[in-house]
Amino acid sequence: MAAGVRKRGRAGPAARAMGLCGQWLRRAWQERRLLLLEPRYTLLVAACLCLAEIQRSTGRPTWPR
């Protein structure tokens, strides 16, 4: 690498697609205590937990009896 030249960050279509989502997730991680302790976010946290539980329960194979 030449002196004084810096590499840029991610610059592909995947990086642009992850831009907004990645920023939102990064912000949520930084504010995790606020998300968990602030009553106004209770519905959002509950909805996310329900979606995660649905995905987890439907992802398992069912065994015939």
PDB file of N, CA and C in Angstrom:
ATOM      1  N   MET A   1       0.851  -1.163   0.000  1.00  0.00           N
ATOM      2  CA  MET A   1       0.000   0.000   0.000  1.00  0.00           C
ATOM      3  C   MET A   1       0.897   1.226   0.000  1.00  0.00           C
ATOM      4  N   ALA A   2       0.590   2.162  -0.809  1.00  0.00           N
ATOM      5  CA  ALA A   2       1.391   3.382  -0.904  1.00  0.00           C
ATOM      6  C   ALA A   2       1.209   4.236   0.341  1.00  0.00           C
ATOM      7  N   ALA A   3       2.221   5.010   0.656  1.00  0.00           N
ATOM      8  CA  ALA A   3       2.147   5.880   1.827  1.00  0.00           C
ATOM      9  C   ALA A   3       1.050   6.917   1.648  1.00  0.00           C
ATOM     10  N   GLY A   4       0.257   7.106   2.668  1.00  0.00           N
ATOM     11  CA  GLY A   4      -0.792   8.111   2.623  1.00  0.00           C
ATOM     12  C   GLY A   4      -2.097   7.644   2.003  1.00  0.00           C
ATOM     13  N   VAL A   5      -2.141   6.439   1.466  1.00  0.00           N
ATOM     14  CA  VAL A   5      -3.362   5.918   0.856  1.00  0.00           C
ATOM     15  C   VAL A   5      -4.046   5.016   1.872  1.00  0.00           C
ATOM     16  N   ARG A   6      -5.311   5.257   2.107  1.00  0.00           N
ATOM     17  CA  ARG A   6      -6.055   4.450   3.068  1.00  0.00           C
ATOM     18  C   ARG A   6      -7.074   3.596   2.339  1.00  0.00           C
ATOM     19  N   LYS A   7      -7.277   2.406   2.845  1.00  0.00           N
ATOM     20  CA  LYS A   7      -8.308   1.541   2.283  1.00  0.00           C
ATOM     21  C   LYS A   7      -9.670   2.062   2.699  1.00  0.00           C
ATOM     22  N   ARG A   8     -10.606   1.968   1.808  1.00  0.00           N
ATOM     23  CA  ARG A   8     -11.975   2.345   2.129  1.00  0.00           C
ATOM     24  C   ARG A   8     -12.669   1.170   2.788  1.00  0.00           C
ATOM     25  N   GLY A   9     -13.799   1.450   3.394  1.00  0.00           N
ATOM     26  CA  GLY A   9     -14.603   0.398   4.012  1.00  0.00           C
ATOM     27  C   GLY A   9     -15.244  -0.482   2.960  1.00  0.00           C
ATOM     28  N   ARG A  10     -16.168  -1.297   3.378  1.00  0.00           N
ATOM     29  CA  ARG A  10     -16.876  -2.170   2.438  1.00  0.00           C
ATOM     30  C   ARG A  10     -17.540  -1.335   1.360  1.00  0.00           C
ATOM     31  N   ALA A  11     -17.488  -1.815   0.125  1.00  0.00           N
ATOM     32  CA  ALA A  11     -18.049  -1.001  -0.957  1.00  0.00           C
ATOM     33  C   ALA A  11     -18.785  -1.838  -1.987  1.00  0.00           C
ATOM     34  N   GLY A  12     -19.428  -2.891  -1.591  1.00  0.00           N
ATOM     35  CA  GLY A  12     -20.158  -3.714  -2.547  1.00  0.00           C
ATOM     36  C   GLY A  12     -21.650  -3.577  -2.342  1.00  0.00           C
ATOM     37  N   PRO A  13     -22.440  -4.264  -3.167  1.00  0.00           N
ATOM     38  CA  PRO A  13     -23.892  -4.203  -3.020  1.00  0.00           C
ATOM     39  C   PRO A  13     -24.351  -4.754  -1.673  1.00  0.00           C
ATOM     40  N   ALA A  14     -23.650  -5.771  -1.175  1.00  0.00           N
ATOM     41  CA  ALA A  14     -24.021  -6.327   0.130  1.00  0.00           C
ATOM     42  C   ALA A  14     -23.790  -5.306   1.233  1.00  0.00           C
ATOM     43  N   ALA A  15     -22.739  -4.526   1.103  1.00  0.00           N
ATOM     44  CA  ALA A  15     -22.452  -3.500   2.104  1.00  0.00           C
ATOM     45  C   ALA A  15     -23.529  -2.425   2.097  1.00  0.00           C
ATOM     46  N   ARG A  16     -23.997  -2.055   0.922  1.00  0.00           N
ATOM     47  CA  ARG A  16     -25.063  -1.057   0.861  1.00  0.00           C
ATOM     48  C   ARG A  16     -26.362  -1.605   1.435  1.00  0.00           C
ATOM     49  N   ALA A  17     -26.633  -2.879   1.194  1.00  0.00           N
ATOM     50  CA  ALA A  17     -27.849  -3.492   1.720  1.00  0.00           C
ATOM     51  C   ALA A  17     -27.787  -3.597   3.236  1.00  0.00           C
ATOM     52  N   MET A  18     -26.619  -3.884   3.779  1.00  0.00           N
ATOM     53  CA  MET A  18     -26.451  -4.002   5.224  1.00  0.00           C
ATOM     54  C   MET A  18     -26.300  -2.646   5.895  1.00  0.00           C
ATOM     55  N   GLY A  19     -26.171  -1.592   5.136  1.00  0.00           N
ATOM     56  CA  GLY A  19     -25.927  -0.268   5.696  1.00  0.00           C
ATOM     57  C   GLY A  19     -26.953   0.144   6.734  1.00  0.00           C
ATOM     58  N   LEU A  20     -28.206   0.238   6.349  1.00  0.00           N
ATOM     59  CA  LEU A  20     -29.241   0.694   7.262  1.00  0.00           C
ATOM     60  C   LEU A  20     -29.500  -0.321   8.360  1.00  0.00           C
ATOM     61  N   CYS A  21     -29.586  -1.578   8.007  1.00  0.00           N
ATOM     62  CA  CYS A  21     -29.825  -2.622   8.992  1.00  0.00           C
ATOM     63  C   CYS A  21     -28.653  -2.712   9.972  1.00  0.00           C
ATOM     64  N   GLY A  22     -27.445  -2.653   9.436  1.00  0.00           N
ATOM     65  CA  GLY A  22     -26.259  -2.712  10.293  1.00  0.00           C
ATOM     66  C   GLY A  22     -26.183  -1.534  11.238  1.00  0.00           C
ATOM     67  N   GLN A  23     -26.545  -0.348  10.758  1.00  0.00           N
ATOM     68  CA  GLN A  23     -26.543   0.836  11.620  1.00  0.00           C
ATOM     69  C   GLN A  23     -27.584   0.681  12.726  1.00  0.00           C
ATOM     70  N   TRP A  24     -28.758   0.177  12.374  1.00  0.00           N
ATOM     71  CA  TRP A  24     -29.812  -0.003  13.359  1.00  0.00           C
ATOM     72  C   TRP A  24     -29.396  -1.023  14.415  1.00  0.00           C
ATOM     73  N   LEU A  25     -28.800  -2.147  13.984  1.00  0.00           N
ATOM     74  CA  LEU A  25     -28.366  -3.164  14.937  1.00  0.00           C
ATOM     75  C   LEU A  25     -27.240  -2.657  15.827  1.00  0.00           C
ATOM     76  N   ARG A  26     -26.321  -1.903  15.246  1.00  0.00           N
ATOM     77  CA  ARG A  26     -25.223  -1.348  16.041  1.00  0.00           C
ATOM     78  C   ARG A  26     -25.768  -0.395  17.104  1.00  0.00           C
ATOM     79  N   ARG A  27     -26.721   0.442  16.704  1.00  0.00           N
ATOM     80  CA  ARG A  27     -27.316   1.388  17.656  1.00  0.00           C
ATOM     81  C   ARG A  27     -28.084   0.646  18.746  1.00  0.00           C
ATOM     82  N   ALA A  28     -28.837  -0.402  18.362  1.00  0.00           N
ATOM     83  CA  ALA A  28     -29.587  -1.183  19.344  1.00  0.00           C
ATOM     84  C   ALA A  28     -28.640  -1.852  20.339  1.00  0.00           C
ATOM     85  N   TRP A  29     -27.503  -2.340  19.864  1.00  0.00           N
ATOM     86  CA  TRP A  29     -26.542  -2.981  20.754  1.00  0.00           C
ATOM     87  C   TRP A  29     -25.956  -1.960  21.735  1.00  0.00           C
ATOM     88  N   GLN A  30     -25.675  -0.764  21.246  1.00  0.00           N
ATOM     89  CA  GLN A  30     -25.125   0.273  22.124  1.00  0.00           C
ATOM     90  C   GLN A  30     -26.148   0.714  23.165  1.00  0.00           C
ATOM     91  N   GLU A  31     -27.399   0.687  22.829  1.00  0.00           N
ATOM     92  CA  GLU A  31     -28.464   1.129  23.725  1.00  0.00           C
ATOM     93  C   GLU A  31     -29.213  -0.055  24.341  1.00  0.00           C
ATOM     94  N   ARG A  32     -28.574  -1.192  24.491  1.00  0.00           N
ATOM     95  CA  ARG A  32     -29.262  -2.407  24.945  1.00  0.00           C
ATOM     96  C   ARG A  32     -29.879  -2.257  26.325  1.00  0.00           C
ATOM     97  N   ARG A  33     -29.235  -1.557  27.236  1.00  0.00           N
ATOM     98  CA  ARG A  33     -29.817  -1.368  28.568  1.00  0.00           C
ATOM     99  C   ARG A  33     -31.110  -0.562  28.473  1.00  0.00           C
ATOM    100  N   LEU A  34     -31.105   0.457  27.635  1.00  0.00           N
ATOM    101  CA  LEU A  34     -32.304   1.261  27.433  1.00  0.00           C
ATOM    102  C   LEU A  34     -33.429   0.404  26.849  1.00  0.00           C
ATOM    103  N   LEU A  35     -33.097  -0.439  25.869  1.00  0.00           N
ATOM    104  CA  LEU A  35     -34.115  -1.295  25.253  1.00  0.00           C
ATOM    105  C   LEU A  35     -34.721  -2.269  26.259  1.00  0.00           C
ATOM    106  N   LEU A  36     -33.893  -2.775  27.164  1.00  0.00           N
ATOM    107  CA  LEU A  36     -34.383  -3.776  28.113  1.00  0.00           C
ATOM    108  C   LEU A  36     -35.076  -3.166  29.327  1.00  0.00           C
ATOM    109  N   LEU A  37     -34.720  -1.962  29.705  1.00  0.00           N
ATOM    110  CA  LEU A  37     -35.243  -1.392  30.942  1.00  0.00           C
ATOM    111  C   LEU A  37     -36.308  -0.308  30.747  1.00  0.00           C
ATOM    112  N   GLU A  38     -36.399   0.253  29.573  1.00  0.00           N
ATOM    113  CA  GLU A  38     -37.356   1.334  29.322  1.00  0.00           C
ATOM    114  C   GLU A  38     -38.726   0.744  28.978  1.00  0.00           C
ATOM    115  N   PRO A  39     -39.774   1.090  29.728  1.00  0.00           N
ATOM    116  CA  PRO A  39     -41.102   0.512  29.484  1.00  0.00           C
ATOM    117  C   PRO A  39     -41.668   0.773  28.088  1.00  0.00           C
ATOM    118  N   ARG A  40     -41.282   1.861  27.448  1.00  0.00           N
ATOM    119  CA  ARG A  40     -41.858   2.153  26.135  1.00  0.00           C
ATOM    120  C   ARG A  40     -41.399   1.173  25.056  1.00  0.00           C
ATOM    121  N   TYR A  41     -40.329   0.407  25.314  1.00  0.00           N
ATOM    122  CA  TYR A  41     -39.827  -0.555  24.341  1.00  0.00           C
ATOM    123  C   TYR A  41     -40.291  -1.988  24.639  1.00  0.00           C
ATOM    124  N   THR A  42     -41.166  -2.153  25.624  1.00  0.00           N
ATOM    125  CA  THR A  42     -41.614  -3.493  26.022  1.00  0.00           C
ATOM    126  C   THR A  42     -42.278  -4.236  24.861  1.00  0.00           C
ATOM    127  N   LEU A  43     -43.148  -3.566  24.144  1.00  0.00           N
ATOM    128  CA  LEU A  43     -43.849  -4.215  23.030  1.00  0.00           C
ATOM    129  C   LEU A  43     -42.880  -4.635  21.933  1.00  0.00           C
ATOM    130  N   LEU A  44     -41.914  -3.798  21.623  1.00  0.00           N
ATOM    131  CA  LEU A  44     -40.915  -4.127  20.602  1.00  0.00           C
ATOM    132  C   LEU A  44     -40.082  -5.337  21.015  1.00  0.00           C
ATOM    133  N   VAL A  45     -39.627  -5.360  22.251  1.00  0.00           N
ATOM    134  CA  VAL A  45     -38.818  -6.481  22.739  1.00  0.00           C
ATOM    135  C   VAL A  45     -39.654  -7.761  22.762  1.00  0.00           C
ATOM    136  N   ALA A  46     -40.900  -7.666  23.208  1.00  0.00           N
ATOM    137  CA  ALA A  46     -41.774  -8.839  23.244  1.00  0.00           C
ATOM    138  C   ALA A  46     -42.022  -9.390  21.841  1.00  0.00           C
ATOM    139  N   ALA A  47     -42.231  -8.499  20.869  1.00  0.00           N
ATOM    140  CA  ALA A  47     -42.466  -8.946  19.488  1.00  0.00           C
ATOM    141  C   ALA A  47     -41.227  -9.642  18.933  1.00  0.00           C
ATOM    142  N   CYS A  48     -40.054  -9.097  19.200  1.00  0.00           N
ATOM    143  CA  CYS A  48     -38.812  -9.721  18.728  1.00  0.00           C
ATOM    144  C   CYS A  48     -38.608 -11.091  19.360  1.00  0.00           C
ATOM    145  N   LEU A  49     -38.905 -11.207  20.654  1.00  0.00           N
ATOM    146  CA  LEU A  49     -38.768 -12.499  21.333  1.00  0.00           C
ATOM    147  C   LEU A  49     -39.771 -13.519  20.788  1.00  0.00           C
ATOM    148  N   CYS A  50     -40.982 -13.081  20.493  1.00  0.00           N
ATOM    149  CA  CYS A  50     -41.982 -13.996  19.924  1.00  0.00           C
ATOM    150  C   CYS A  50     -41.561 -14.482  18.541  1.00  0.00           C
ATOM    151  N   LEU A  51     -41.061 -13.582  17.718  1.00  0.00           N
ATOM    152  CA  LEU A  51     -40.584 -13.989  16.392  1.00  0.00           C
ATOM    153  C   LEU A  51     -39.410 -14.959  16.488  1.00  0.00           C
ATOM    154  N   ALA A  52     -38.515 -14.707  17.415  1.00  0.00           N
ATOM    155  CA  ALA A  52     -37.371 -15.609  17.592  1.00  0.00           C
ATOM    156  C   ALA A  52     -37.838 -16.987  18.062  1.00  0.00           C
ATOM    157  N   GLU A  53     -38.821 -17.025  18.953  1.00  0.00           N
ATOM    158  CA  GLU A  53     -39.338 -18.303  19.448  1.00  0.00           C
ATOM    159  C   GLU A  53     -40.064 -19.070  18.347  1.00  0.00           C
ATOM    160  N   ILE A  54     -40.820 -18.373  17.520  1.00  0.00           N
ATOM    161  CA  ILE A  54     -41.509 -19.036  16.402  1.00  0.00           C
ATOM    162  C   ILE A  54     -40.491 -19.641  15.446  1.00  0.00           C
ATOM    163  N   GLN A  55     -39.456 -18.873  15.123  1.00  0.00           N
ATOM    164  CA  GLN A  55     -38.429 -19.368  14.209  1.00  0.00           C
ATOM    165  C   GLN A  55     -37.711 -20.565  14.826  1.00  0.00           C
ATOM    166  N   ARG A  56     -37.431 -20.495  16.111  1.00  0.00           N
ATOM    167  CA  ARG A  56     -36.713 -21.582  16.780  1.00  0.00           C
ATOM    168  C   ARG A  56     -37.563 -22.848  16.836  1.00  0.00           C
ATOM    169  N   SER A  57     -38.839 -22.692  17.131  1.00  0.00           N
ATOM    170  CA  SER A  57     -39.687 -23.869  17.272  1.00  0.00           C
ATOM    171  C   SER A  57     -40.021 -24.497  15.915  1.00  0.00           C
ATOM    172  N   THR A  58     -40.087 -23.728  14.856  1.00  0.00           N
ATOM    173  CA  THR A  58     -40.396 -24.303  13.549  1.00  0.00           C
ATOM    174  C   THR A  58     -39.149 -24.813  12.838  1.00  0.00           C
ATOM    175  N   GLY A  59     -37.997 -24.511  13.357  1.00  0.00           N
ATOM    176  CA  GLY A  59     -36.759 -24.946  12.725  1.00  0.00           C
ATOM    177  C   GLY A  59     -36.323 -26.355  13.087  1.00  0.00           C
ATOM    178  N   ARG A  60     -37.005 -26.946  14.051  1.00  0.00           N
ATOM    179  CA  ARG A  60     -36.632 -28.288  14.485  1.00  0.00           C
ATOM    180  C   ARG A  60     -37.283 -29.356  13.613  1.00  0.00           C
ATOM    181  N   PRO A  61     -36.584 -30.439  13.382  1.00  0.00           N
ATOM    182  CA  PRO A  61     -37.228 -31.543  12.661  1.00  0.00           C
ATOM    183  C   PRO A  61     -38.234 -32.256  13.568  1.00  0.00           C
ATOM    184  N   THR A  62     -39.311 -32.732  12.990  1.00  0.00           N
ATOM    185  CA  THR A  62     -40.292 -33.486  13.785  1.00  0.00           C
ATOM    186  C   THR A  62     -40.059 -34.971  13.524  1.00  0.00           C
ATOM    187  N   TRP A  63     -40.028 -35.718  14.561  1.00  0.00           N
ATOM    188  CA  TRP A  63     -39.760 -37.151  14.458  1.00  0.00           C
ATOM    189  C   TRP A  63     -41.067 -37.921  14.483  1.00  0.00           C
ATOM    190  N   PRO A  64     -41.263 -38.865  13.568  1.00  0.00           N
ATOM    191  CA  PRO A  64     -42.511 -39.661  13.577  1.00  0.00           C
ATOM    192  C   PRO A  64     -42.548 -40.567  14.797  1.00  0.00           C
ATOM    193  N   ARG A  65     -43.751 -40.786  15.298  1.00  0.00           N
ATOM    194  CA  ARG A  65     -43.901 -41.650  16.485  1.00  0.00           C
ATOM    195  C   ARG A  65     -44.516 -42.951  16.108  1.00  0.00           C
TER     196      ARG A  65
END
